[in-house]
Amino acid sequence: MNTKRHNTVLTNAYSGQTLGEEIAQRRRRGINSFSGNTFIDEQNKGLSFQMALKNTDTKDHRIALFPGDLQSVEELKSIAGVYADAIAVNGDVLKDDTDTNVIVTCNADNLAYIQRFLCKNPTRISRIQMTADDQSQFNKTISVTQYSPLRKDGSRDLRPMSYKVPGDNNDNMVIIDFKHLQLDDQSCLDIVLGAGREVYLTFFVAASNNSAYTLDAQARELIGE
């Protein structure tokens, strides 16, 4: 019996690589060639989703737009340390305790579905375009908080007014650029909505780790389709 044959490293005759190296290279090619709803690079800036918020109350309200995997204001407070008045939902967000007057309304196409998608598929946001009916809203805070059962990563506060560019002709709009903003099941993004204010937000997607498409793309790459 020739034991030497069993110790020989198998190679791919075409590329001259070991079988493991070839599989790893094909996997990398698959990751870098995803299309459709799964992409890794930061150049896909045409995808976006919109949200409108309106506060008809005489006081500010802190609204969690994307709470991650937390499902109540009580969980946001106890786990993430976010003291929100409400979590954004389709339609009415918050109502007064004494009557049925709407305090805050939120309009977004399938907001609940977007929130669930972000929990399952970590997604990077390249920028947020904010339009408000009054510049005073730009001095209200947008907060991003990271959390997990294993650690508390803390939060960062953003003031849209600090992103205003000198010479900007549109006083009621600001574009907030991000280098690292990821929305997922372990992050919360909230906004303080000023009394009587109306705000429109557009979130521009940079990259999304869509696991449903990832497996199919990798499989097709490995079998040569």
Protein backbone atom coordinates (compact mmCIF):
# COMPACT_ATOMS: atom_id res chain seq x y z
CA MET A 1 0.00 0.00 0.00
CA ASN A 2 1.34 3.37 -0.94
CA THR A 3 0.86 5.59 2.12
CA LYS A 4 2.53 8.49 0.37
CA ARG A 5 -0.53 8.90 -1.84
CA HIS A 6 -2.71 9.51 1.23
CA ASN A 7 -0.41 12.26 2.44
CA THR A 8 -0.42 14.08 -0.87
CA VAL A 9 -2.22 17.45 -0.80
CA LEU A 10 -4.99 17.45 -3.37
CA THR A 11 -4.72 20.28 -5.87
CA ASN A 12 -7.01 21.77 -8.47
CA ALA A 13 -5.40 20.98 -11.81
CA TYR A 14 -6.73 24.18 -13.37
CA SER A 15 -5.58 26.71 -10.80
CA GLY A 16 -2.82 24.82 -9.07
CA GLN A 17 -4.36 25.57 -5.66
CA THR A 18 -5.22 23.19 -2.89
CA LEU A 19 -8.84 22.21 -2.73
CA GLY A 20 -9.32 24.25 0.43
CA GLU A 21 -7.74 27.31 -1.16
CA GLU A 22 -9.95 26.96 -4.23
CA ILE A 23 -13.11 26.71 -2.13
CA ALA A 24 -12.06 29.75 -0.09
CA GLN A 25 -11.33 31.76 -3.24
CA ARG A 26 -14.65 30.83 -4.81
CA ARG A 27 -16.42 31.79 -1.60
CA ARG A 28 -14.70 35.20 -1.62
CA ARG A 29 -15.72 35.72 -5.24
CA GLY A 30 -19.27 34.83 -4.31
CA ILE A 31 -19.30 37.34 -1.45
CA ASN A 32 -17.95 40.08 -3.70
CA SER A 33 -20.32 39.45 -6.58
CA PHE A 34 -23.68 39.53 -4.85
CA SER A 35 -26.42 41.41 -6.67
CA GLY A 36 -30.06 42.21 -6.21
CA ASN A 37 -31.03 42.70 -2.60
CA THR A 38 -27.71 41.52 -1.16
CA PHE A 39 -24.58 43.57 -1.52
CA ILE A 40 -21.38 44.11 0.37
CA ASP A 41 -19.85 47.19 -1.22
CA GLU A 42 -20.69 50.73 -0.18
CA GLN A 43 -21.56 51.98 -3.66
CA ASN A 44 -25.25 51.01 -3.69
CA LYS A 45 -26.62 54.37 -2.70
CA GLY A 46 -29.79 54.32 -4.77
CA LEU A 47 -31.75 52.31 -2.21
CA SER A 48 -33.65 54.28 0.40
CA PHE A 49 -36.76 54.32 2.54
CA GLN A 50 -38.76 57.26 3.88
CA MET A 51 -40.55 58.20 7.05
CA ALA A 52 -42.73 61.14 8.09
CA LEU A 53 -43.24 62.20 11.70
CA LYS A 54 -45.62 64.79 13.11
CA ASN A 55 -45.93 65.94 16.70
CA THR A 56 -49.17 67.77 17.43
CA ASP A 57 -48.48 68.00 21.14
CA THR A 58 -47.20 71.06 23.01
CA LYS A 59 -44.15 69.17 24.33
CA ASP A 60 -41.24 67.23 22.84
CA HIS A 61 -41.39 63.46 22.48
CA ARG A 62 -38.55 60.96 22.11
CA ILE A 63 -39.48 58.31 19.54
CA ALA A 64 -37.52 55.10 18.88
CA LEU A 65 -37.65 54.69 15.11
CA PHE A 66 -35.66 51.45 15.00
CA PRO A 67 -35.54 49.74 18.41
CA GLY A 68 -33.64 46.64 17.31
CA ASP A 69 -34.88 43.48 18.97
CA LEU A 70 -36.47 45.33 21.90
CA GLN A 71 -40.24 45.45 21.72
CA SER A 72 -41.39 47.92 24.37
CA VAL A 73 -40.38 51.21 25.97
CA GLU A 74 -39.84 49.26 29.19
CA GLU A 75 -37.26 47.02 27.50
CA LEU A 76 -35.60 50.02 25.88
CA LYS A 77 -35.23 51.62 29.29
CA SER A 78 -34.08 48.60 31.27
CA ILE A 79 -31.83 46.97 28.65
CA ALA A 80 -30.56 49.77 26.40
CA GLY A 81 -30.96 52.75 28.74
CA VAL A 82 -33.09 54.58 26.15
CA TYR A 83 -35.88 56.62 27.75
CA ALA A 84 -38.23 56.79 24.77
CA ASP A 85 -41.86 57.87 24.95
CA ALA A 86 -42.86 55.41 22.23
CA ILE A 87 -41.66 53.07 19.50
CA ALA A 88 -42.60 54.13 15.98
CA VAL A 89 -45.34 52.09 14.31
CA ASN A 90 -47.40 52.50 11.18
CA GLY A 91 -49.96 55.23 11.80
CA ASP A 92 -50.47 56.54 15.32
CA VAL A 93 -47.36 56.36 17.48
CA LEU A 94 -48.40 57.93 20.76
CA LYS A 95 -51.76 58.99 22.21
CA ASP A 96 -52.62 61.20 25.14
CA ASP A 97 -53.66 59.35 28.30
CA THR A 98 -56.76 61.47 28.81
CA ASP A 99 -58.33 61.38 25.36
CA THR A 100 -57.84 60.00 21.86
CA ASN A 101 -56.05 62.98 20.38
CA VAL A 102 -53.10 61.88 18.30
CA ILE A 103 -49.82 63.28 19.58
CA VAL A 104 -47.37 61.79 17.13
CA THR A 105 -48.09 60.15 13.80
CA CYS A 106 -45.65 58.20 11.70
CA ASN A 107 -46.09 57.32 8.05
CA ALA A 108 -43.75 54.91 6.27
CA ASP A 109 -44.38 52.14 3.78
CA ASN A 110 -44.49 48.92 5.77
CA LEU A 111 -42.53 50.34 8.70
CA ALA A 112 -43.07 47.21 10.80
CA TYR A 113 -41.62 45.10 7.99
CA ILE A 114 -38.60 47.41 7.66
CA GLN A 115 -37.97 47.13 11.39
CA ARG A 116 -38.15 43.33 11.26
CA PHE A 117 -35.89 43.22 8.18
CA LEU A 118 -33.21 45.30 9.92
CA CYS A 119 -33.31 42.94 12.91
CA LYS A 120 -32.61 39.95 10.66
CA ASN A 121 -30.28 41.63 8.16
CA PRO A 122 -27.70 44.11 9.55
CA THR A 123 -27.80 47.16 7.30
CA ARG A 124 -25.46 50.13 7.01
CA ILE A 125 -26.87 53.62 6.47
CA SER A 126 -24.71 56.07 4.52
CA ARG A 127 -26.74 59.20 5.22
CA ILE A 128 -30.05 60.58 6.40
CA GLN A 129 -31.79 63.46 4.68
CA MET A 130 -33.95 65.39 7.12
CA THR A 131 -36.51 68.01 6.16
CA ALA A 132 -38.37 69.90 8.89
CA ASP A 133 -41.04 72.58 8.96
CA ASP A 134 -38.86 74.65 11.31
CA GLN A 135 -35.09 74.90 11.83
CA SER A 136 -35.52 74.49 15.58
CA GLN A 137 -35.92 70.75 14.96
CA PHE A 138 -32.28 70.57 13.85
CA ASN A 139 -31.19 71.26 17.42
CA LYS A 140 -33.06 68.19 18.67
CA THR A 141 -31.00 65.06 19.23
CA ILE A 142 -30.82 61.89 17.16
CA SER A 143 -29.31 59.07 19.23
CA VAL A 144 -27.81 55.74 18.23
CA THR A 145 -27.43 53.16 21.00
CA GLN A 146 -25.72 49.78 20.78
CA TYR A 147 -26.60 47.04 23.24
CA SER A 148 -26.46 43.27 23.70
CA PRO A 149 -26.97 40.73 26.50
CA LEU A 150 -23.20 40.48 26.87
CA ARG A 151 -22.22 44.14 26.98
CA LYS A 152 -23.46 47.71 26.77
CA ASP A 153 -21.64 49.63 24.09
CA GLY A 154 -23.13 53.01 24.97
CA SER A 155 -24.70 55.60 22.71
CA ARG A 156 -23.81 58.65 20.64
CA ASP A 157 -25.89 61.76 20.19
CA LEU A 158 -26.07 63.68 16.92
CA ARG A 159 -27.38 67.21 16.37
CA PRO A 160 -28.47 67.73 12.76
CA MET A 161 -27.62 71.44 12.97
CA SER A 162 -23.92 70.55 13.22
CA TYR A 163 -24.18 69.04 9.71
CA LYS A 164 -25.43 72.24 8.10
CA VAL A 165 -23.03 73.40 5.40
CA PRO A 166 -22.14 77.10 5.02
CA GLY A 167 -23.88 78.49 1.96
CA ASP A 168 -26.62 75.87 2.04
CA ASN A 169 -29.61 77.49 0.37
CA ASN A 170 -32.21 75.15 1.86
CA ASP A 171 -32.71 76.27 5.45
CA ASN A 172 -35.18 73.49 6.23
CA MET A 173 -33.12 70.54 5.05
CA VAL A 174 -29.96 68.90 6.30
CA ILE A 175 -28.03 65.83 5.15
CA ILE A 176 -26.35 63.80 7.88
CA ASP A 177 -23.46 61.74 6.50
CA PHE A 178 -22.30 58.65 8.36
CA LYS A 179 -19.05 56.77 8.21
CA HIS A 180 -20.27 53.99 10.47
CA LEU A 181 -23.98 53.62 11.15
CA GLN A 182 -25.35 50.11 11.27
CA LEU A 183 -28.93 49.22 12.11
CA ASP A 184 -29.50 45.70 13.39
CA ASP A 185 -31.07 43.69 16.21
CA GLN A 186 -28.60 45.17 18.73
CA SER A 187 -29.02 48.86 17.99
CA CYS A 188 -31.62 51.56 18.58
CA LEU A 189 -32.02 54.78 16.62
CA ASP A 190 -34.30 57.39 18.17
CA ILE A 191 -35.19 61.01 17.60
CA VAL A 192 -36.44 63.81 19.83
CA LEU A 193 -39.37 65.29 17.94
CA GLY A 194 -40.00 68.90 18.87
CA ALA A 195 -43.38 70.21 19.97
CA GLY A 196 -45.56 71.00 16.97
CA ARG A 197 -42.89 69.84 14.52
CA GLU A 198 -43.26 67.90 11.29
CA VAL A 199 -40.25 65.97 9.99
CA TYR A 200 -39.51 63.95 6.87
CA LEU A 201 -36.62 61.48 6.92
CA THR A 202 -35.01 59.58 4.05
CA PHE A 203 -32.58 56.80 4.97
CA PHE A 204 -30.04 55.91 2.27
CA VAL A 205 -28.78 52.33 2.40
CA ALA A 206 -25.09 51.62 1.85
CA ALA A 207 -24.73 47.87 2.43
CA SER A 208 -26.93 45.10 3.75
CA ASN A 209 -26.03 41.59 4.83
CA ASN A 210 -29.10 39.85 3.44
CA SER A 211 -28.66 36.24 4.52
CA ALA A 212 -31.57 34.97 2.40
CA TYR A 213 -29.78 36.02 -0.79
CA THR A 214 -26.28 35.31 0.51
CA LEU A 215 -26.73 31.54 0.56
CA ASP A 216 -28.18 31.44 -2.96
CA ALA A 217 -25.41 33.67 -4.35
CA GLN A 218 -22.69 31.55 -2.75
CA ALA A 219 -24.27 28.31 -3.96
CA ARG A 220 -24.55 29.58 -7.55
CA GLU A 221 -20.93 30.73 -7.49
CA LEU A 222 -19.66 27.41 -6.18
CA ILE A 223 -21.52 25.35 -8.78
CA GLY A 224 -20.53 27.73 -11.58
CA GLU A 225 -23.88 29.26 -12.52
